[in-house]
Amino acid sequence: MEDCVFCKIIKKEIPVKIEYEDDDILAFPSNQPEAPVHILVIPKKHIRDTSTLENSDAPLVGKMIFVAKNLAKEKKIEKTGYRLVFNVGPHTGQSVYHLHLHLLGGKKLDNSG
């Protein structure tokens, strides 16, 4: 998508601090952090959200979760815990329509929602 901010980040048109990158995945800190550790893990393939996933995307989504798990270990939050979140649609606060996984941790997180 031409106007997708995450696609622009993937193309290096918008600079970010890269926490992880390979051929399929990019991870970087959220610009609106809700926790001391708040990293977005995104596929380089443009997918709108989980509602538009195809069966063939399953390995990619699994890889996103493993990248988040490894980043949690790297950030030393794996023992105290962390949250992984996919938001889907406007009622969840999704503002960028490019699939992304939030990795949140580093403090006790509120359980409301």
PDB file of N, CA and C in Angstrom:
ATOM      1  N   MET A   1       0.847  -1.179   0.000  1.00  0.00           N
ATOM      2  CA  MET A   1       0.000   0.000   0.000  1.00  0.00           C
ATOM      3  C   MET A   1       0.888   1.235   0.000  1.00  0.00           C
ATOM      4  N   GLU A   2       0.600   2.145  -0.871  1.00  0.00           N
ATOM      5  CA  GLU A   2       1.442   3.323  -1.055  1.00  0.00           C
ATOM      6  C   GLU A   2       1.481   4.243   0.157  1.00  0.00           C
ATOM      7  N   ASP A   3       0.359   4.427   0.857  1.00  0.00           N
ATOM      8  CA  ASP A   3       0.330   5.372   1.962  1.00  0.00           C
ATOM      9  C   ASP A   3       0.419   4.698   3.327  1.00  0.00           C
ATOM     10  N   CYS A   4       0.745   3.434   3.370  1.00  0.00           N
ATOM     11  CA  CYS A   4       0.855   2.693   4.628  1.00  0.00           C
ATOM     12  C   CYS A   4       2.163   3.074   5.326  1.00  0.00           C
ATOM     13  N   VAL A   5       2.055   3.608   6.534  1.00  0.00           N
ATOM     14  CA  VAL A   5       3.245   4.043   7.272  1.00  0.00           C
ATOM     15  C   VAL A   5       4.191   2.874   7.542  1.00  0.00           C
ATOM     16  N   PHE A   6       3.665   1.688   7.815  1.00  0.00           N
ATOM     17  CA  PHE A   6       4.546   0.547   8.074  1.00  0.00           C
ATOM     18  C   PHE A   6       5.251   0.104   6.794  1.00  0.00           C
ATOM     19  N   CYS A   7       4.582   0.169   5.665  1.00  0.00           N
ATOM     20  CA  CYS A   7       5.242  -0.152   4.389  1.00  0.00           C
ATOM     21  C   CYS A   7       6.375   0.837   4.118  1.00  0.00           C
ATOM     22  N   LYS A   8       6.171   2.103   4.476  1.00  0.00           N
ATOM     23  CA  LYS A   8       7.224   3.112   4.304  1.00  0.00           C
ATOM     24  C   LYS A   8       8.403   2.818   5.232  1.00  0.00           C
ATOM     25  N   ILE A   9       8.124   2.343   6.445  1.00  0.00           N
ATOM     26  CA  ILE A   9       9.194   1.957   7.372  1.00  0.00           C
ATOM     27  C   ILE A   9       9.968   0.776   6.801  1.00  0.00           C
ATOM     28  N   ILE A  10       9.254  -0.215   6.267  1.00  0.00           N
ATOM     29  CA  ILE A  10       9.901  -1.386   5.670  1.00  0.00           C
ATOM     30  C   ILE A  10      10.820  -0.965   4.530  1.00  0.00           C
ATOM     31  N   LYS A  11      10.373   0.020   3.718  1.00  0.00           N
ATOM     32  CA  LYS A  11      11.171   0.494   2.584  1.00  0.00           C
ATOM     33  C   LYS A  11      12.258   1.480   3.004  1.00  0.00           C
ATOM     34  N   LYS A  12      12.378   1.722   4.323  1.00  0.00           N
ATOM     35  CA  LYS A  12      13.383   2.637   4.893  1.00  0.00           C
ATOM     36  C   LYS A  12      13.120   4.091   4.486  1.00  0.00           C
ATOM     37  N   GLU A  13      11.876   4.416   4.143  1.00  0.00           N
ATOM     38  CA  GLU A  13      11.512   5.801   3.839  1.00  0.00           C
ATOM     39  C   GLU A  13      11.263   6.592   5.123  1.00  0.00           C
ATOM     40  N   ILE A  14      10.950   5.894   6.202  1.00  0.00           N
ATOM     41  CA  ILE A  14      10.777   6.498   7.513  1.00  0.00           C
ATOM     42  C   ILE A  14      11.761   5.788   8.447  1.00  0.00           C
ATOM     43  N   PRO A  15      12.668   6.529   9.071  1.00  0.00           N
ATOM     44  CA  PRO A  15      13.650   5.875   9.935  1.00  0.00           C
ATOM     45  C   PRO A  15      13.052   5.452  11.277  1.00  0.00           C
ATOM     46  N   VAL A  16      13.456   4.285  11.729  1.00  0.00           N
ATOM     47  CA  VAL A  16      13.091   3.778  13.053  1.00  0.00           C
ATOM     48  C   VAL A  16      14.305   3.036  13.609  1.00  0.00           C
ATOM     49  N   LYS A  17      14.296   2.837  14.924  1.00  0.00           N
ATOM     50  CA  LYS A  17      15.318   2.000  15.553  1.00  0.00           C
ATOM     51  C   LYS A  17      14.880   0.554  15.333  1.00  0.00           C
ATOM     52  N   ILE A  18      15.657  -0.201  14.606  1.00  0.00           N
ATOM     53  CA  ILE A  18      15.297  -1.580  14.298  1.00  0.00           C
ATOM     54  C   ILE A  18      15.743  -2.484  15.444  1.00  0.00           C
ATOM     55  N   GLU A  19      14.778  -3.207  16.006  1.00  0.00           N
ATOM     56  CA  GLU A  19      15.061  -4.167  17.066  1.00  0.00           C
ATOM     57  C   GLU A  19      15.334  -5.557  16.490  1.00  0.00           C
ATOM     58  N   TYR A  20      14.757  -5.836  15.317  1.00  0.00           N
ATOM     59  CA  TYR A  20      14.942  -7.127  14.653  1.00  0.00           C
ATOM     60  C   TYR A  20      14.558  -6.953  13.189  1.00  0.00           C
ATOM     61  N   GLU A  21      15.304  -7.638  12.305  1.00  0.00           N
ATOM     62  CA  GLU A  21      14.934  -7.644  10.893  1.00  0.00           C
ATOM     63  C   GLU A  21      15.483  -8.893  10.231  1.00  0.00           C
ATOM     64  N   ASP A  22      14.642  -9.483   9.385  1.00  0.00           N
ATOM     65  CA  ASP A  22      15.076 -10.543   8.479  1.00  0.00           C
ATOM     66  C   ASP A  22      14.303 -10.357   7.179  1.00  0.00           C
ATOM     67  N   ASP A  23      14.288 -11.365   6.327  1.00  0.00           N
ATOM     68  CA  ASP A  23      13.622 -11.233   5.029  1.00  0.00           C
ATOM     69  C   ASP A  23      12.108 -11.061   5.141  1.00  0.00           C
ATOM     70  N   ASP A  24      11.516 -11.518   6.246  1.00  0.00           N
ATOM     71  CA  ASP A  24      10.062 -11.540   6.385  1.00  0.00           C
ATOM     72  C   ASP A  24       9.501 -10.576   7.419  1.00  0.00           C
ATOM     73  N   ILE A  25      10.293 -10.222   8.417  1.00  0.00           N
ATOM     74  CA  ILE A  25       9.806  -9.545   9.619  1.00  0.00           C
ATOM     75  C   ILE A  25      10.659  -8.322   9.927  1.00  0.00           C
ATOM     76  N   LEU A  26      10.018  -7.302  10.485  1.00  0.00           N
ATOM     77  CA  LEU A  26      10.707  -6.131  11.001  1.00  0.00           C
ATOM     78  C   LEU A  26      10.097  -5.820  12.366  1.00  0.00           C
ATOM     79  N   ALA A  27      10.930  -5.449  13.324  1.00  0.00           N
ATOM     80  CA  ALA A  27      10.442  -5.094  14.652  1.00  0.00           C
ATOM     81  C   ALA A  27      11.107  -3.795  15.087  1.00  0.00           C
ATOM     82  N   PHE A  28      10.307  -2.917  15.697  1.00  0.00           N
ATOM     83  CA  PHE A  28      10.800  -1.610  16.112  1.00  0.00           C
ATOM     84  C   PHE A  28       9.947  -1.097  17.272  1.00  0.00           C
ATOM     85  N   PRO A  29      10.476  -0.166  18.075  1.00  0.00           N
ATOM     86  CA  PRO A  29       9.706   0.349  19.199  1.00  0.00           C
ATOM     87  C   PRO A  29       8.481   1.140  18.732  1.00  0.00           C
ATOM     88  N   SER A  30       7.415   1.040  19.508  1.00  0.00           N
ATOM     89  CA  SER A  30       6.218   1.832  19.240  1.00  0.00           C
ATOM     90  C   SER A  30       6.529   3.304  19.476  1.00  0.00           C
ATOM     91  N   ASN A  31       5.954   4.170  18.650  1.00  0.00           N
ATOM     92  CA  ASN A  31       6.133   5.610  18.886  1.00  0.00           C
ATOM     93  C   ASN A  31       5.097   6.141  19.887  1.00  0.00           C
ATOM     94  N   GLN A  32       4.221   5.247  20.371  1.00  0.00           N
ATOM     95  CA  GLN A  32       3.247   5.582  21.415  1.00  0.00           C
ATOM     96  C   GLN A  32       3.289   4.473  22.467  1.00  0.00           C
ATOM     97  N   PRO A  33       4.421   4.356  23.185  1.00  0.00           N
ATOM     98  CA  PRO A  33       4.585   3.220  24.103  1.00  0.00           C
ATOM     99  C   PRO A  33       3.577   3.231  25.249  1.00  0.00           C
ATOM    100  N   GLU A  34       3.069   2.042  25.534  1.00  0.00           N
ATOM    101  CA  GLU A  34       2.132   1.845  26.638  1.00  0.00           C
ATOM    102  C   GLU A  34       2.777   1.063  27.772  1.00  0.00           C
ATOM    103  N   ALA A  35       4.060   0.755  27.634  1.00  0.00           N
ATOM    104  CA  ALA A  35       4.818   0.027  28.644  1.00  0.00           C
ATOM    105  C   ALA A  35       6.298   0.330  28.406  1.00  0.00           C
ATOM    106  N   PRO A  36       7.153   0.071  29.402  1.00  0.00           N
ATOM    107  CA  PRO A  36       8.585   0.307  29.194  1.00  0.00           C
ATOM    108  C   PRO A  36       9.146  -0.423  27.969  1.00  0.00           C
ATOM    109  N   VAL A  37       8.646  -1.627  27.730  1.00  0.00           N
ATOM    110  CA  VAL A  37       8.977  -2.336  26.487  1.00  0.00           C
ATOM    111  C   VAL A  37       7.694  -2.385  25.671  1.00  0.00           C
ATOM    112  N   HIS A  38       7.699  -1.758  24.520  1.00  0.00           N
ATOM    113  CA  HIS A  38       6.551  -1.794  23.603  1.00  0.00           C
ATOM    114  C   HIS A  38       7.126  -1.814  22.191  1.00  0.00           C
ATOM    115  N   ILE A  39       7.219  -3.017  21.664  1.00  0.00           N
ATOM    116  CA  ILE A  39       7.811  -3.234  20.347  1.00  0.00           C
ATOM    117  C   ILE A  39       6.731  -3.747  19.400  1.00  0.00           C
ATOM    118  N   LEU A  40       6.741  -3.222  18.192  1.00  0.00           N
ATOM    119  CA  LEU A  40       5.828  -3.682  17.146  1.00  0.00           C
ATOM    120  C   LEU A  40       6.577  -4.652  16.253  1.00  0.00           C
ATOM    121  N   VAL A  41       5.970  -5.805  16.032  1.00  0.00           N
ATOM    122  CA  VAL A  41       6.537  -6.836  15.155  1.00  0.00           C
ATOM    123  C   VAL A  41       5.618  -6.907  13.942  1.00  0.00           C
ATOM    124  N   ILE A  42       6.175  -6.622  12.759  1.00  0.00           N
ATOM    125  CA  ILE A  42       5.343  -6.550  11.554  1.00  0.00           C
ATOM    126  C   ILE A  42       5.899  -7.447  10.453  1.00  0.00           C
ATOM    127  N   PRO A  43       5.004  -7.991   9.625  1.00  0.00           N
ATOM    128  CA  PRO A  43       5.490  -8.712   8.444  1.00  0.00           C
ATOM    129  C   PRO A  43       5.860  -7.703   7.362  1.00  0.00           C
ATOM    130  N   LYS A  44       6.836  -8.037   6.555  1.00  0.00           N
ATOM    131  CA  LYS A  44       7.170  -7.166   5.429  1.00  0.00           C
ATOM    132  C   LYS A  44       6.113  -7.255   4.330  1.00  0.00           C
ATOM    133  N   LYS A  45       5.404  -8.343   4.305  1.00  0.00           N
ATOM    134  CA  LYS A  45       4.281  -8.488   3.379  1.00  0.00           C
ATOM    135  C   LYS A  45       3.115  -7.666   3.936  1.00  0.00           C
ATOM    136  N   HIS A  46       2.512  -6.845   3.101  1.00  0.00           N
ATOM    137  CA  HIS A  46       1.378  -6.052   3.574  1.00  0.00           C
ATOM    138  C   HIS A  46       0.142  -6.947   3.724  1.00  0.00           C
ATOM    139  N   ILE A  47      -0.309  -7.056   4.959  1.00  0.00           N
ATOM    140  CA  ILE A  47      -1.548  -7.758   5.298  1.00  0.00           C
ATOM    141  C   ILE A  47      -2.332  -6.775   6.150  1.00  0.00           C
ATOM    142  N   ARG A  48      -3.577  -6.540   5.839  1.00  0.00           N
ATOM    143  CA  ARG A  48      -4.366  -5.516   6.539  1.00  0.00           C
ATOM    144  C   ARG A  48      -4.475  -5.795   8.033  1.00  0.00           C
ATOM    145  N   ASP A  49      -4.923  -6.970   8.406  1.00  0.00           N
ATOM    146  CA  ASP A  49      -5.070  -7.364   9.815  1.00  0.00           C
ATOM    147  C   ASP A  49      -5.368  -8.858   9.860  1.00  0.00           C
ATOM    148  N   THR A  50      -5.603  -9.403  11.042  1.00  0.00           N
ATOM    149  CA  THR A  50      -5.809 -10.850  11.140  1.00  0.00           C
ATOM    150  C   THR A  50      -7.060 -11.310  10.407  1.00  0.00           C
ATOM    151  N   SER A  51      -8.020 -10.410  10.222  1.00  0.00           N
ATOM    152  CA  SER A  51      -9.253 -10.819   9.530  1.00  0.00           C
ATOM    153  C   SER A  51      -9.022 -11.098   8.053  1.00  0.00           C
ATOM    154  N   THR A  52      -7.906 -10.653   7.513  1.00  0.00           N
ATOM    155  CA  THR A  52      -7.625 -10.874   6.086  1.00  0.00           C
ATOM    156  C   THR A  52      -6.522 -11.910   5.864  1.00  0.00           C
ATOM    157  N   LEU A  53      -6.117 -12.594   6.934  1.00  0.00           N
ATOM    158  CA  LEU A  53      -5.090 -13.621   6.790  1.00  0.00           C
ATOM    159  C   LEU A  53      -5.557 -14.759   5.891  1.00  0.00           C
ATOM    160  N   GLU A  54      -4.639 -15.296   5.128  1.00  0.00           N
ATOM    161  CA  GLU A  54      -4.866 -16.483   4.316  1.00  0.00           C
ATOM    162  C   GLU A  54      -4.215 -17.662   5.031  1.00  0.00           C
ATOM    163  N   ASN A  55      -4.645 -18.879   4.716  1.00  0.00           N
ATOM    164  CA  ASN A  55      -4.010 -20.062   5.301  1.00  0.00           C
ATOM    165  C   ASN A  55      -2.502 -20.061   5.065  1.00  0.00           C
ATOM    166  N   SER A  56      -2.088 -19.568   3.920  1.00  0.00           N
ATOM    167  CA  SER A  56      -0.663 -19.545   3.589  1.00  0.00           C
ATOM    168  C   SER A  56       0.132 -18.575   4.464  1.00  0.00           C
ATOM    169  N   ASP A  57      -0.535 -17.683   5.194  1.00  0.00           N
ATOM    170  CA  ASP A  57       0.135 -16.731   6.073  1.00  0.00           C
ATOM    171  C   ASP A  57       0.453 -17.314   7.452  1.00  0.00           C
ATOM    172  N   ALA A  58      -0.045 -18.506   7.750  1.00  0.00           N
ATOM    173  CA  ALA A  58       0.138 -19.095   9.084  1.00  0.00           C
ATOM    174  C   ALA A  58       1.615 -19.173   9.501  1.00  0.00           C
ATOM    175  N   PRO A  59       2.526 -19.636   8.641  1.00  0.00           N
ATOM    176  CA  PRO A  59       3.934 -19.674   9.075  1.00  0.00           C
ATOM    177  C   PRO A  59       4.487 -18.281   9.395  1.00  0.00           C
ATOM    178  N   LEU A  60       4.066 -17.282   8.658  1.00  0.00           N
ATOM    179  CA  LEU A  60       4.527 -15.915   8.886  1.00  0.00           C
ATOM    180  C   LEU A  60       4.043 -15.404  10.247  1.00  0.00           C
ATOM    181  N   VAL A  61       2.793 -15.648  10.574  1.00  0.00           N
ATOM    182  CA  VAL A  61       2.251 -15.214  11.860  1.00  0.00           C
ATOM    183  C   VAL A  61       2.940 -15.972  13.000  1.00  0.00           C
ATOM    184  N   GLY A  62       3.177 -17.243  12.813  1.00  0.00           N
ATOM    185  CA  GLY A  62       3.925 -18.007  13.807  1.00  0.00           C
ATOM    186  C   GLY A  62       5.320 -17.444  14.008  1.00  0.00           C
ATOM    187  N   LYS A  63       5.964 -17.052  12.930  1.00  0.00           N
ATOM    188  CA  LYS A  63       7.301 -16.463  13.014  1.00  0.00           C
ATOM    189  C   LYS A  63       7.256 -15.138  13.769  1.00  0.00           C
ATOM    190  N   MET A  64       6.203 -14.351  13.562  1.00  0.00           N
ATOM    191  CA  MET A  64       6.059 -13.087  14.293  1.00  0.00           C
ATOM    192  C   MET A  64       6.026 -13.344  15.803  1.00  0.00           C
ATOM    193  N   ILE A  65       5.306 -14.367  16.217  1.00  0.00           N
ATOM    194  CA  ILE A  65       5.195 -14.695  17.637  1.00  0.00           C
ATOM    195  C   ILE A  65       6.550 -15.140  18.185  1.00  0.00           C
ATOM    196  N   PHE A  66       7.284 -15.942  17.426  1.00  0.00           N
ATOM    197  CA  PHE A  66       8.604 -16.369  17.881  1.00  0.00           C
ATOM    198  C   PHE A  66       9.586 -15.202  17.950  1.00  0.00           C
ATOM    199  N   VAL A  67       9.497 -14.274  17.011  1.00  0.00           N
ATOM    200  CA  VAL A  67      10.346 -13.075  17.073  1.00  0.00           C
ATOM    201  C   VAL A  67      10.019 -12.296  18.346  1.00  0.00           C
ATOM    202  N   ALA A  68       8.738 -12.132  18.650  1.00  0.00           N
ATOM    203  CA  ALA A  68       8.337 -11.420  19.871  1.00  0.00           C
ATOM    204  C   ALA A  68       8.851 -12.134  21.114  1.00  0.00           C
ATOM    205  N   LYS A  69       8.741 -13.449  21.136  1.00  0.00           N
ATOM    206  CA  LYS A  69       9.243 -14.237  22.273  1.00  0.00           C
ATOM    207  C   LYS A  69      10.739 -14.012  22.469  1.00  0.00           C
ATOM    208  N   ASN A  70      11.486 -14.032  21.378  1.00  0.00           N
ATOM    209  CA  ASN A  70      12.934 -13.838  21.466  1.00  0.00           C
ATOM    210  C   ASN A  70      13.288 -12.414  21.881  1.00  0.00           C
ATOM    211  N   LEU A  71      12.521 -11.433  21.417  1.00  0.00           N
ATOM    212  CA  LEU A  71      12.756 -10.053  21.843  1.00  0.00           C
ATOM    213  C   LEU A  71      12.447  -9.885  23.329  1.00  0.00           C
ATOM    214  N   ALA A  72      11.415 -10.564  23.816  1.00  0.00           N
ATOM    215  CA  ALA A  72      11.089 -10.513  25.244  1.00  0.00           C
ATOM    216  C   ALA A  72      12.262 -11.041  26.064  1.00  0.00           C
ATOM    217  N   LYS A  73      12.871 -12.100  25.595  1.00  0.00           N
ATOM    218  CA  LYS A  73      14.044 -12.650  26.294  1.00  0.00           C
ATOM    219  C   LYS A  73      15.201 -11.661  26.232  1.00  0.00           C
ATOM    220  N   GLU A  74      15.433 -11.096  25.065  1.00  0.00           N
ATOM    221  CA  GLU A  74      16.512 -10.123  24.881  1.00  0.00           C
ATOM    222  C   GLU A  74      16.322  -8.901  25.780  1.00  0.00           C
ATOM    223  N   LYS A  75      15.083  -8.469  25.958  1.00  0.00           N
ATOM    224  CA  LYS A  75      14.764  -7.295  26.783  1.00  0.00           C
ATOM    225  C   LYS A  75      14.619  -7.655  28.262  1.00  0.00           C
ATOM    226  N   LYS A  76      14.828  -8.925  28.575  1.00  0.00           N
ATOM    227  CA  LYS A  76      14.801  -9.441  29.952  1.00  0.00           C
ATOM    228  C   LYS A  76      13.436  -9.258  30.633  1.00  0.00           C
ATOM    229  N   ILE A  77      12.374  -9.499  29.866  1.00  0.00           N
ATOM    230  CA  ILE A  77      11.025  -9.439  30.451  1.00  0.00           C
ATOM    231  C   ILE A  77      10.334 -10.802  30.399  1.00  0.00           C
ATOM    232  N   GLU A  78      11.064 -11.832  29.956  1.00  0.00           N
ATOM    233  CA  GLU A  78      10.417 -13.142  29.807  1.00  0.00           C
ATOM    234  C   GLU A  78      10.059 -13.766  31.149  1.00  0.00           C
ATOM    235  N   LYS A  79      10.780 -13.450  32.196  1.00  0.00           N
ATOM    236  CA  LYS A  79      10.506 -14.062  33.500  1.00  0.00           C
ATOM    237  C   LYS A  79       9.332 -13.387  34.219  1.00  0.00           C
ATOM    238  N   THR A  80       9.236 -12.070  34.139  1.00  0.00           N
ATOM    239  CA  THR A  80       8.145 -11.348  34.814  1.00  0.00           C
ATOM    240  C   THR A  80       6.866 -11.376  33.988  1.00  0.00           C
ATOM    241  N   GLY A  81       7.000 -11.595  32.701  1.00  0.00           N
ATOM    242  CA  GLY A  81       5.841 -11.711  31.821  1.00  0.00           C
ATOM    243  C   GLY A  81       5.735 -10.578  30.825  1.00  0.00           C
ATOM    244  N   TYR A  82       4.978 -10.866  29.784  1.00  0.00           N
ATOM    245  CA  TYR A  82       4.760  -9.892  28.720  1.00  0.00           C
ATOM    246  C   TYR A  82       3.439 -10.201  28.052  1.00  0.00           C
ATOM    247  N   ARG A  83       2.952  -9.252  27.295  1.00  0.00           N
ATOM    248  CA  ARG A  83       1.684  -9.401  26.594  1.00  0.00           C
ATOM    249  C   ARG A  83       1.933  -9.289  25.097  1.00  0.00           C
ATOM    250  N   LEU A  84       1.258 -10.150  24.327  1.00  0.00           N
ATOM    251  CA  LEU A  84       1.271 -10.086  22.871  1.00  0.00           C
ATOM    252  C   LEU A  84      -0.138  -9.756  22.421  1.00  0.00           C
ATOM    253  N   VAL A  85      -0.285  -8.732  21.573  1.00  0.00           N
ATOM    254  CA  VAL A  85      -1.611  -8.261  21.180  1.00  0.00           C
ATOM    255  C   VAL A  85      -1.667  -7.987  19.683  1.00  0.00           C
ATOM    256  N   PHE A  86      -2.698  -8.527  19.041  1.00  0.00           N
ATOM    257  CA  PHE A  86      -3.083  -8.131  17.686  1.00  0.00           C
ATOM    258  C   PHE A  86      -4.389  -7.351  17.826  1.00  0.00           C
ATOM    259  N   ASN A  87      -4.425  -6.102  17.401  1.00  0.00           N
ATOM    260  CA  ASN A  87      -5.672  -5.337  17.376  1.00  0.00           C
ATOM    261  C   ASN A  87      -6.283  -5.466  15.988  1.00  0.00           C
ATOM    262  N   VAL A  88      -7.607  -5.590  15.950  1.00  0.00           N
ATOM    263  CA  VAL A  88      -8.302  -5.744  14.671  1.00  0.00           C
ATOM    264  C   VAL A  88      -9.491  -4.797  14.649  1.00  0.00           C
ATOM    265  N   GLY A  89      -9.396  -3.743  13.854  1.00  0.00           N
ATOM    266  CA  GLY A  89     -10.514  -2.844  13.660  1.00  0.00           C
ATOM    267  C   GLY A  89     -10.527  -1.628  14.570  1.00  0.00           C
ATOM    268  N   PRO A  90     -11.382  -0.683  14.228  1.00  0.00           N
ATOM    269  CA  PRO A  90     -11.411   0.601  14.929  1.00  0.00           C
ATOM    270  C   PRO A  90     -11.835   0.522  16.395  1.00  0.00           C
ATOM    271  N   HIS A  91     -12.650  -0.437  16.777  1.00  0.00           N
ATOM    272  CA  HIS A  91     -13.077  -0.528  18.177  1.00  0.00           C
ATOM    273  C   HIS A  91     -11.944  -0.949  19.103  1.00  0.00           C
ATOM    274  N   THR A  92     -10.861  -1.452  18.557  1.00  0.00           N
ATOM    275  CA  THR A  92      -9.715  -1.861  19.370  1.00  0.00           C
ATOM    276  C   THR A  92      -8.635  -0.786  19.411  1.00  0.00           C
ATOM    277  N   GLY A  93      -8.844   0.270  18.668  1.00  0.00           N
ATOM    278  CA  GLY A  93      -7.840   1.324  18.604  1.00  0.00           C
ATOM    279  C   GLY A  93      -6.839   1.140  17.482  1.00  0.00           C
ATOM    280  N   GLN A  94      -7.069   0.170  16.610  1.00  0.00           N
ATOM    281  CA  GLN A  94      -6.135  -0.017  15.489  1.00  0.00           C
ATOM    282  C   GLN A  94      -6.144   1.240  14.635  1.00  0.00           C
ATOM    283  N   SER A  95      -4.967   1.796  14.424  1.00  0.00           N
ATOM    284  CA  SER A  95      -4.873   3.014  13.620  1.00  0.00           C
ATOM    285  C   SER A  95      -4.042   2.815  12.357  1.00  0.00           C
ATOM    286  N   VAL A  96      -3.204   1.793  12.339  1.00  0.00           N
ATOM    287  CA  VAL A  96      -2.425   1.467  11.143  1.00  0.00           C
ATOM    288  C   VAL A  96      -2.930   0.120  10.642  1.00  0.00           C
ATOM    289  N   TYR A  97      -3.422   0.114   9.419  1.00  0.00           N
ATOM    290  CA  TYR A  97      -4.004  -1.101   8.855  1.00  0.00           C
ATOM    291  C   TYR A  97      -2.958  -1.886   8.069  1.00  0.00           C
ATOM    292  N   HIS A  98      -1.983  -2.369   8.836  1.00  0.00           N
ATOM    293  CA  HIS A  98      -0.939  -3.286   8.393  1.00  0.00           C
ATOM    294  C   HIS A  98      -0.743  -4.183   9.607  1.00  0.00           C
ATOM    295  N   LEU A  99      -0.913  -5.478   9.421  1.00  0.00           N
ATOM    296  CA  LEU A  99      -0.815  -6.425  10.527  1.00  0.00           C
ATOM    297  C   LEU A  99       0.391  -6.112  11.404  1.00  0.00           C
ATOM    298  N   HIS A 100       0.169  -6.039  12.707  1.00  0.00           N
ATOM    299  CA  HIS A 100       1.282  -5.839  13.636  1.00  0.00           C
ATOM    300  C   HIS A 100       0.955  -6.450  14.984  1.00  0.00           C
ATOM    301  N   LEU A 101       1.993  -6.984  15.593  1.00  0.00           N
ATOM    302  CA  LEU A 101       1.903  -7.624  16.892  1.00  0.00           C
ATOM    303  C   LEU A 101       2.592  -6.720  17.903  1.00  0.00           C
ATOM    304  N   HIS A 102       1.865  -6.359  18.959  1.00  0.00           N
ATOM    305  CA  HIS A 102       2.436  -5.550  20.029  1.00  0.00           C
ATOM    306  C   HIS A 102       3.074  -6.482  21.056  1.00  0.00           C
ATOM    307  N   LEU A 103       4.321  -6.231  21.400  1.00  0.00           N
ATOM    308  CA  LEU A 103       4.997  -6.877  22.515  1.00  0.00           C
ATOM    309  C   LEU A 103       5.081  -5.834  23.621  1.00  0.00           C
ATOM    310  N   LEU A 104       4.414  -6.109  24.744  1.00  0.00           N
ATOM    311  CA  LEU A 104       4.353  -5.162  25.858  1.00  0.00           C
ATOM    312  C   LEU A 104       4.872  -5.814  27.130  1.00  0.00           C
ATOM    313  N   GLY A 105       5.675  -5.107  27.872  1.00  0.00           N
ATOM    314  CA  GLY A 105       6.171  -5.627  29.143  1.00  0.00           C
ATOM    315  C   GLY A 105       7.062  -4.636  29.841  1.00  0.00           C
ATOM    316  N   GLY A 106       7.667  -5.110  30.919  1.00  0.00           N
ATOM    317  CA  GLY A 106       8.560  -4.266  31.683  1.00  0.00           C
ATOM    318  C   GLY A 106       7.911  -3.604  32.885  1.00  0.00           C
ATOM    319  N   LYS A 107       6.618  -3.855  33.071  1.00  0.00           N
ATOM    320  CA  LYS A 107       5.880  -3.375  34.238  1.00  0.00           C
ATOM    321  C   LYS A 107       4.655  -4.258  34.396  1.00  0.00           C
ATOM    322  N   LYS A 108       4.008  -4.158  35.544  1.00  0.00           N
ATOM    323  CA  LYS A 108       2.749  -4.891  35.743  1.00  0.00           C
ATOM    324  C   LYS A 108       1.695  -4.221  34.868  1.00  0.00           C
ATOM    325  N   LEU A 109       1.060  -5.009  34.029  1.00  0.00           N
ATOM    326  CA  LEU A 109       0.085  -4.475  33.070  1.00  0.00           C
ATOM    327  C   LEU A 109      -1.325  -4.606  33.634  1.00  0.00           C
ATOM    328  N   ASP A 110      -2.142  -3.620  33.343  1.00  0.00           N
ATOM    329  CA  ASP A 110      -3.546  -3.601  33.749  1.00  0.00           C
ATOM    330  C   ASP A 110      -4.264  -4.744  33.041  1.00  0.00           C
ATOM    331  N   ASN A 111      -5.119  -5.449  33.755  1.00  0.00           N
ATOM    332  CA  ASN A 111      -5.860  -6.564  33.168  1.00  0.00           C
ATOM    333  C   ASN A 111      -7.229  -6.169  32.654  1.00  0.00           C
ATOM    334  N   SER A 112      -7.575  -4.898  32.716  1.00  0.00           N
ATOM    335  CA  SER A 112      -8.886  -4.490  32.203  1.00  0.00           C
ATOM    336  C   SER A 112      -8.849  -4.450  30.694  1.00  0.00           C
ATOM    337  N   GLY A 113      -9.987  -4.416  30.094  1.00  0.00           N
ATOM    338  CA  GLY A 113     -10.015  -4.335  28.648  1.00  0.00           C
ATOM    339  C   GLY A 113     -11.190  -5.041  28.158  1.00  0.00           C
TER     340      GLY A 113
END
